[in-house]
């Protein structure tokens, strides 16, 4: 699996993802924030297509649909 990039289509990788996907749908990576003093790990901002909300996640919490 290659690293996520801005513009990638993603889904949440979780056991409870079904409920989340029904509400938010798939998302598009809009920003990748590298390490800094505030964050220990890189954070990925995703804009969810159905709800149009933007939320931050760790890369390990997301997957591209073709990687599932």
PDB file of N, CA and C in Angstrom:
ATOM      1  N   UNK A   1       0.840  -1.184   0.000  1.00  0.00           N
ATOM      2  CA  UNK A   1       0.000   0.000   0.000  1.00  0.00           C
ATOM      3  C   UNK A   1       0.888   1.250   0.000  1.00  0.00           C
ATOM      4  N   UNK A   2       0.665   2.129  -0.939  1.00  0.00           N
ATOM      5  CA  UNK A   2       1.443   3.370  -0.981  1.00  0.00           C
ATOM      6  C   UNK A   2       0.869   4.368   0.016  1.00  0.00           C
ATOM      7  N   UNK A   3       1.651   5.360   0.373  1.00  0.00           N
ATOM      8  CA  UNK A   3       1.198   6.396   1.303  1.00  0.00           C
ATOM      9  C   UNK A   3       0.065   7.195   0.672  1.00  0.00           C
ATOM     10  N   UNK A   4      -0.812   7.699   1.513  1.00  0.00           N
ATOM     11  CA  UNK A   4      -1.921   8.523   1.024  1.00  0.00           C
ATOM     12  C   UNK A   4      -1.386   9.852   0.497  1.00  0.00           C
ATOM     13  N   UNK A   5      -2.069  10.370  -0.506  1.00  0.00           N
ATOM     14  CA  UNK A   5      -1.710  11.660  -1.106  1.00  0.00           C
ATOM     15  C   UNK A   5      -2.952  12.533  -1.183  1.00  0.00           C
ATOM     16  N   UNK A   6      -2.757  13.843  -1.279  1.00  0.00           N
ATOM     17  CA  UNK A   6      -3.868  14.776  -1.472  1.00  0.00           C
ATOM     18  C   UNK A   6      -4.603  14.371  -2.745  1.00  0.00           C
ATOM     19  N   UNK A   7      -5.915  14.303  -2.660  1.00  0.00           N
ATOM     20  CA  UNK A   7      -6.734  13.917  -3.795  1.00  0.00           C
ATOM     21  C   UNK A   7      -7.170  12.463  -3.782  1.00  0.00           C
ATOM     22  N   UNK A   8      -6.587  11.645  -2.897  1.00  0.00           N
ATOM     23  CA  UNK A   8      -6.977  10.234  -2.811  1.00  0.00           C
ATOM     24  C   UNK A   8      -8.387  10.092  -2.235  1.00  0.00           C
ATOM     25  N   UNK A   9      -9.137   9.151  -2.772  1.00  0.00           N
ATOM     26  CA  UNK A   9     -10.437   8.774  -2.234  1.00  0.00           C
ATOM     27  C   UNK A   9     -10.184   7.787  -1.105  1.00  0.00           C
ATOM     28  N   UNK A  10     -10.816   8.016   0.069  1.00  0.00           N
ATOM     29  CA  UNK A  10     -10.556   7.164   1.230  1.00  0.00           C
ATOM     30  C   UNK A  10     -11.853   6.768   1.930  1.00  0.00           C
ATOM     31  N   UNK A  11     -11.737   5.705   2.706  1.00  0.00           N
ATOM     32  CA  UNK A  11     -12.788   5.241   3.610  1.00  0.00           C
ATOM     33  C   UNK A  11     -12.166   5.099   4.987  1.00  0.00           C
ATOM     34  N   UNK A  12     -13.004   5.124   6.021  1.00  0.00           N
ATOM     35  CA  UNK A  12     -12.525   4.920   7.376  1.00  0.00           C
ATOM     36  C   UNK A  12     -12.281   3.442   7.600  1.00  0.00           C
ATOM     37  N   UNK A  13     -11.180   3.111   8.234  1.00  0.00           N
ATOM     38  CA  UNK A  13     -10.827   1.717   8.529  1.00  0.00           C
ATOM     39  C   UNK A  13     -11.121   1.480  10.010  1.00  0.00           C
ATOM     40  N   UNK A  14     -12.291   0.967  10.301  1.00  0.00           N
ATOM     41  CA  UNK A  14     -12.705   0.701  11.685  1.00  0.00           C
ATOM     42  C   UNK A  14     -13.777  -0.354  11.709  1.00  0.00           C
ATOM     43  N   UNK A  15     -13.999  -0.917  12.879  1.00  0.00           N
ATOM     44  CA  UNK A  15     -15.078  -1.886  13.031  1.00  0.00           C
ATOM     45  C   UNK A  15     -16.443  -1.214  12.923  1.00  0.00           C
ATOM     46  N   UNK A  16     -16.545   0.020  13.384  1.00  0.00           N
ATOM     47  CA  UNK A  16     -17.809   0.751  13.350  1.00  0.00           C
ATOM     48  C   UNK A  16     -17.937   1.604  12.095  1.00  0.00           C
ATOM     49  N   UNK A  17     -17.160   1.317  11.073  1.00  0.00           N
ATOM     50  CA  UNK A  17     -17.119   2.150   9.871  1.00  0.00           C
ATOM     51  C   UNK A  17     -18.444   2.156   9.114  1.00  0.00           C
ATOM     52  N   UNK A  18     -19.246   1.099   9.216  1.00  0.00           N
ATOM     53  CA  UNK A  18     -20.509   1.054   8.480  1.00  0.00           C
ATOM     54  C   UNK A  18     -21.398   2.240   8.818  1.00  0.00           C
ATOM     55  N   UNK A  19     -21.568   2.537  10.098  1.00  0.00           N
ATOM     56  CA  UNK A  19     -22.387   3.673  10.520  1.00  0.00           C
ATOM     57  C   UNK A  19     -21.774   4.979  10.039  1.00  0.00           C
ATOM     58  N   UNK A  20     -20.459   5.103  10.149  1.00  0.00           N
ATOM     59  CA  UNK A  20     -19.761   6.313   9.733  1.00  0.00           C
ATOM     60  C   UNK A  20     -19.920   6.528   8.232  1.00  0.00           C
ATOM     61  N   UNK A  21     -19.725   5.466   7.450  1.00  0.00           N
ATOM     62  CA  UNK A  21     -19.815   5.568   5.987  1.00  0.00           C
ATOM     63  C   UNK A  21     -21.231   5.911   5.556  1.00  0.00           C
ATOM     64  N   UNK A  22     -22.241   5.371   6.235  1.00  0.00           N
ATOM     65  CA  UNK A  22     -23.624   5.711   5.889  1.00  0.00           C
ATOM     66  C   UNK A  22     -23.885   7.196   6.077  1.00  0.00           C
ATOM     67  N   UNK A  23     -23.283   7.800   7.094  1.00  0.00           N
ATOM     68  CA  UNK A  23     -23.510   9.220   7.361  1.00  0.00           C
ATOM     69  C   UNK A  23     -22.609  10.122   6.508  1.00  0.00           C
ATOM     70  N   UNK A  24     -21.332   9.777   6.409  1.00  0.00           N
ATOM     71  CA  UNK A  24     -20.366  10.658   5.749  1.00  0.00           C
ATOM     72  C   UNK A  24     -20.025  10.254   4.316  1.00  0.00           C
ATOM     73  N   UNK A  25     -20.181   8.992   3.973  1.00  0.00           N
ATOM     74  CA  UNK A  25     -19.781   8.515   2.655  1.00  0.00           C
ATOM     75  C   UNK A  25     -18.273   8.370   2.558  1.00  0.00           C
ATOM     76  N   UNK A  26     -17.772   8.347   1.358  1.00  0.00           N
ATOM     77  CA  UNK A  26     -16.323   8.308   1.141  1.00  0.00           C
ATOM     78  C   UNK A  26     -15.785   9.729   1.281  1.00  0.00           C
ATOM     79  N   UNK A  27     -14.474   9.842   1.386  1.00  0.00           N
ATOM     80  CA  UNK A  27     -13.875  11.165   1.542  1.00  0.00           C
ATOM     81  C   UNK A  27     -12.695  11.363   0.620  1.00  0.00           C
ATOM     82  N   UNK A  28     -12.289  12.612   0.497  1.00  0.00           N
ATOM     83  CA  UNK A  28     -11.120  12.970  -0.314  1.00  0.00           C
ATOM     84  C   UNK A  28     -10.092  13.632   0.601  1.00  0.00           C
ATOM     85  N   UNK A  29      -8.845  13.172   0.503  1.00  0.00           N
ATOM     86  CA  UNK A  29      -7.761  13.763   1.287  1.00  0.00           C
ATOM     87  C   UNK A  29      -7.526  15.178   0.774  1.00  0.00           C
ATOM     88  N   UNK A  30      -7.626  16.163   1.682  1.00  0.00           N
ATOM     89  CA  UNK A  30      -7.436  17.558   1.288  1.00  0.00           C
ATOM     90  C   UNK A  30      -6.143  18.158   1.816  1.00  0.00           C
ATOM     91  N   UNK A  31      -5.572  17.530   2.868  1.00  0.00           N
ATOM     92  CA  UNK A  31      -4.338  18.074   3.449  1.00  0.00           C
ATOM     93  C   UNK A  31      -3.621  16.988   4.226  1.00  0.00           C
ATOM     94  N   UNK A  32      -2.305  17.008   4.151  1.00  0.00           N
ATOM     95  CA  UNK A  32      -1.489  16.109   4.956  1.00  0.00           C
ATOM     96  C   UNK A  32      -0.560  16.983   5.772  1.00  0.00           C
ATOM     97  N   UNK A  33      -0.756  16.966   7.088  1.00  0.00           N
ATOM     98  CA  UNK A  33       0.046  17.801   7.977  1.00  0.00           C
ATOM     99  C   UNK A  33       1.150  16.939   8.582  1.00  0.00           C
ATOM    100  N   UNK A  34       2.369  17.260   8.242  1.00  0.00           N
ATOM    101  CA  UNK A  34       3.513  16.491   8.709  1.00  0.00           C
ATOM    102  C   UNK A  34       3.757  16.761  10.190  1.00  0.00           C
ATOM    103  N   UNK A  35       4.765  16.129  10.736  1.00  0.00           N
ATOM    104  CA  UNK A  35       5.111  16.274  12.141  1.00  0.00           C
ATOM    105  C   UNK A  35       5.377  17.742  12.496  1.00  0.00           C
ATOM    106  N   UNK A  36       4.949  18.132  13.677  1.00  0.00           N
ATOM    107  CA  UNK A  36       5.324  19.429  14.239  1.00  0.00           C
ATOM    108  C   UNK A  36       5.214  19.320  15.761  1.00  0.00           C
ATOM    109  N   UNK A  37       5.356  20.399  16.495  1.00  0.00           N
ATOM    110  CA  UNK A  37       5.325  20.336  17.954  1.00  0.00           C
ATOM    111  C   UNK A  37       3.950  19.962  18.485  1.00  0.00           C
ATOM    112  N   UNK A  38       2.895  20.332  17.770  1.00  0.00           N
ATOM    113  CA  UNK A  38       1.542  20.052  18.236  1.00  0.00           C
ATOM    114  C   UNK A  38       1.157  18.585  18.030  1.00  0.00           C
ATOM    115  N   UNK A  39       1.582  17.997  16.919  1.00  0.00           N
ATOM    116  CA  UNK A  39       1.199  16.629  16.586  1.00  0.00           C
ATOM    117  C   UNK A  39       2.413  15.711  16.593  1.00  0.00           C
ATOM    118  N   UNK A  40       2.276  14.567  17.266  1.00  0.00           N
ATOM    119  CA  UNK A  40       3.352  13.570  17.273  1.00  0.00           C
ATOM    120  C   UNK A  40       3.404  12.808  15.958  1.00  0.00           C
ATOM    121  N   UNK A  41       2.254  12.633  15.322  1.00  0.00           N
ATOM    122  CA  UNK A  41       2.135  11.850  14.102  1.00  0.00           C
ATOM    123  C   UNK A  41       1.514  12.709  13.009  1.00  0.00           C
ATOM    124  N   UNK A  42       1.772  12.382  11.749  1.00  0.00           N
ATOM    125  CA  UNK A  42       1.150  13.150  10.659  1.00  0.00           C
ATOM    126  C   UNK A  42      -0.374  13.009  10.712  1.00  0.00           C
ATOM    127  N   UNK A  43      -1.079  14.093  10.520  1.00  0.00           N
ATOM    128  CA  UNK A  43      -2.537  14.086  10.483  1.00  0.00           C
ATOM    129  C   UNK A  43      -2.997  14.335   9.058  1.00  0.00           C
ATOM    130  N   UNK A  44      -4.047  13.636   8.678  1.00  0.00           N
ATOM    131  CA  UNK A  44      -4.588  13.748   7.330  1.00  0.00           C
ATOM    132  C   UNK A  44      -5.992  14.331   7.437  1.00  0.00           C
ATOM    133  N   UNK A  45      -6.224  15.448   6.759  1.00  0.00           N
ATOM    134  CA  UNK A  45      -7.549  16.065   6.751  1.00  0.00           C
ATOM    135  C   UNK A  45      -8.325  15.502   5.571  1.00  0.00           C
ATOM    136  N   UNK A  46      -9.545  15.046   5.880  1.00  0.00           N
ATOM    137  CA  UNK A  46     -10.404  14.431   4.866  1.00  0.00           C
ATOM    138  C   UNK A  46     -11.706  15.210   4.799  1.00  0.00           C
ATOM    139  N   UNK A  47     -12.135  15.549   3.585  1.00  0.00           N
ATOM    140  CA  UNK A  47     -13.455  16.147   3.385  1.00  0.00           C
ATOM    141  C   UNK A  47     -14.385  15.024   2.944  1.00  0.00           C
ATOM    142  N   UNK A  48     -15.392  14.746   3.767  1.00  0.00           N
ATOM    143  CA  UNK A  48     -16.334  13.661   3.494  1.00  0.00           C
ATOM    144  C   UNK A  48     -17.366  14.130   2.489  1.00  0.00           C
ATOM    145  N   UNK A  49     -17.604  13.324   1.475  1.00  0.00           N
ATOM    146  CA  UNK A  49     -18.403  13.739   0.328  1.00  0.00           C
ATOM    147  C   UNK A  49     -19.892  13.870   0.636  1.00  0.00           C
ATOM    148  N   UNK A  50     -20.432  12.994   1.445  1.00  0.00           N
ATOM    149  CA  UNK A  50     -21.865  13.047   1.729  1.00  0.00           C
ATOM    150  C   UNK A  50     -22.198  14.158   2.728  1.00  0.00           C
ATOM    151  N   UNK A  51     -21.435  14.255   3.804  1.00  0.00           N
ATOM    152  CA  UNK A  51     -21.736  15.235   4.852  1.00  0.00           C
ATOM    153  C   UNK A  51     -21.047  16.579   4.620  1.00  0.00           C
ATOM    154  N   UNK A  52     -20.033  16.604   3.756  1.00  0.00           N
ATOM    155  CA  UNK A  52     -19.234  17.802   3.465  1.00  0.00           C
ATOM    156  C   UNK A  52     -18.492  18.338   4.693  1.00  0.00           C
ATOM    157  N   UNK A  53     -18.267  17.479   5.700  1.00  0.00           N
ATOM    158  CA  UNK A  53     -17.486  17.848   6.878  1.00  0.00           C
ATOM    159  C   UNK A  53     -16.023  17.521   6.626  1.00  0.00           C
ATOM    160  N   UNK A  54     -15.134  18.304   7.225  1.00  0.00           N
ATOM    161  CA  UNK A  54     -13.705  18.010   7.171  1.00  0.00           C
ATOM    162  C   UNK A  54     -13.251  17.588   8.554  1.00  0.00           C
ATOM    163  N   UNK A  55     -12.575  16.442   8.636  1.00  0.00           N
ATOM    164  CA  UNK A  55     -12.103  15.901   9.908  1.00  0.00           C
ATOM    165  C   UNK A  55     -10.672  15.429   9.746  1.00  0.00           C
ATOM    166  N   UNK A  56      -9.907  15.415  10.864  1.00  0.00           N
ATOM    167  CA  UNK A  56      -8.516  14.961  10.850  1.00  0.00           C
ATOM    168  C   UNK A  56      -8.429  13.529  11.358  1.00  0.00           C
ATOM    169  N   UNK A  57      -7.548  12.752  10.720  1.00  0.00           N
ATOM    170  CA  UNK A  57      -7.328  11.362  11.091  1.00  0.00           C
ATOM    171  C   UNK A  57      -5.852  11.038  11.012  1.00  0.00           C
ATOM    172  N   UNK A  58      -5.459   9.957  11.668  1.00  0.00           N
ATOM    173  CA  UNK A  58      -4.136   9.392  11.463  1.00  0.00           C
ATOM    174  C   UNK A  58      -4.198   8.520  10.219  1.00  0.00           C
ATOM    175  N   UNK A  59      -3.075   8.369   9.531  1.00  0.00           N
ATOM    176  CA  UNK A  59      -3.060   7.590   8.295  1.00  0.00           C
ATOM    177  C   UNK A  59      -3.505   6.145   8.524  1.00  0.00           C
ATOM    178  N   UNK A  60      -3.183   5.581   9.689  1.00  0.00           N
ATOM    179  CA  UNK A  60      -3.547   4.185   9.963  1.00  0.00           C
ATOM    180  C   UNK A  60      -5.063   3.985  10.074  1.00  0.00           C
ATOM    181  N   UNK A  61      -5.814   5.062  10.262  1.00  0.00           N
ATOM    182  CA  UNK A  61      -7.271   4.974  10.394  1.00  0.00           C
ATOM    183  C   UNK A  61      -7.997   5.052   9.051  1.00  0.00           C
ATOM    184  N   UNK A  62      -7.264   5.285   7.974  1.00  0.00           N
ATOM    185  CA  UNK A  62      -7.868   5.459   6.659  1.00  0.00           C
ATOM    186  C   UNK A  62      -7.368   4.404   5.679  1.00  0.00           C
ATOM    187  N   UNK A  63      -8.173   4.108   4.673  1.00  0.00           N
ATOM    188  CA  UNK A  63      -7.739   3.207   3.607  1.00  0.00           C
ATOM    189  C   UNK A  63      -8.326   3.665   2.287  1.00  0.00           C
ATOM    190  N   UNK A  64      -7.590   3.405   1.228  1.00  0.00           N
ATOM    191  CA  UNK A  64      -8.130   3.641  -0.108  1.00  0.00           C
ATOM    192  C   UNK A  64      -9.031   2.462  -0.444  1.00  0.00           C
ATOM    193  N   UNK A  65     -10.163   2.684  -1.110  1.00  0.00           N
ATOM    194  CA  UNK A  65     -11.087   1.574  -1.425  1.00  0.00           C
ATOM    195  C   UNK A  65     -10.427   0.442  -2.201  1.00  0.00           C
ATOM    196  N   UNK A  66      -9.453   0.726  -3.051  1.00  0.00           N
ATOM    197  CA  UNK A  66      -8.815  -0.334  -3.821  1.00  0.00           C
ATOM    198  C   UNK A  66      -7.831  -1.148  -2.987  1.00  0.00           C
ATOM    199  N   UNK A  67      -7.552  -0.710  -1.735  1.00  0.00           N
ATOM    200  CA  UNK A  67      -6.663  -1.448  -0.829  1.00  0.00           C
ATOM    201  C   UNK A  67      -7.425  -2.388   0.091  1.00  0.00           C
ATOM    202  N   UNK A  68      -8.756  -2.335   0.062  1.00  0.00           N
ATOM    203  CA  UNK A  68      -9.547  -3.130   1.017  1.00  0.00           C
ATOM    204  C   UNK A  68      -9.602  -4.589   0.649  1.00  0.00           C
TER     205      UNK A  68
END
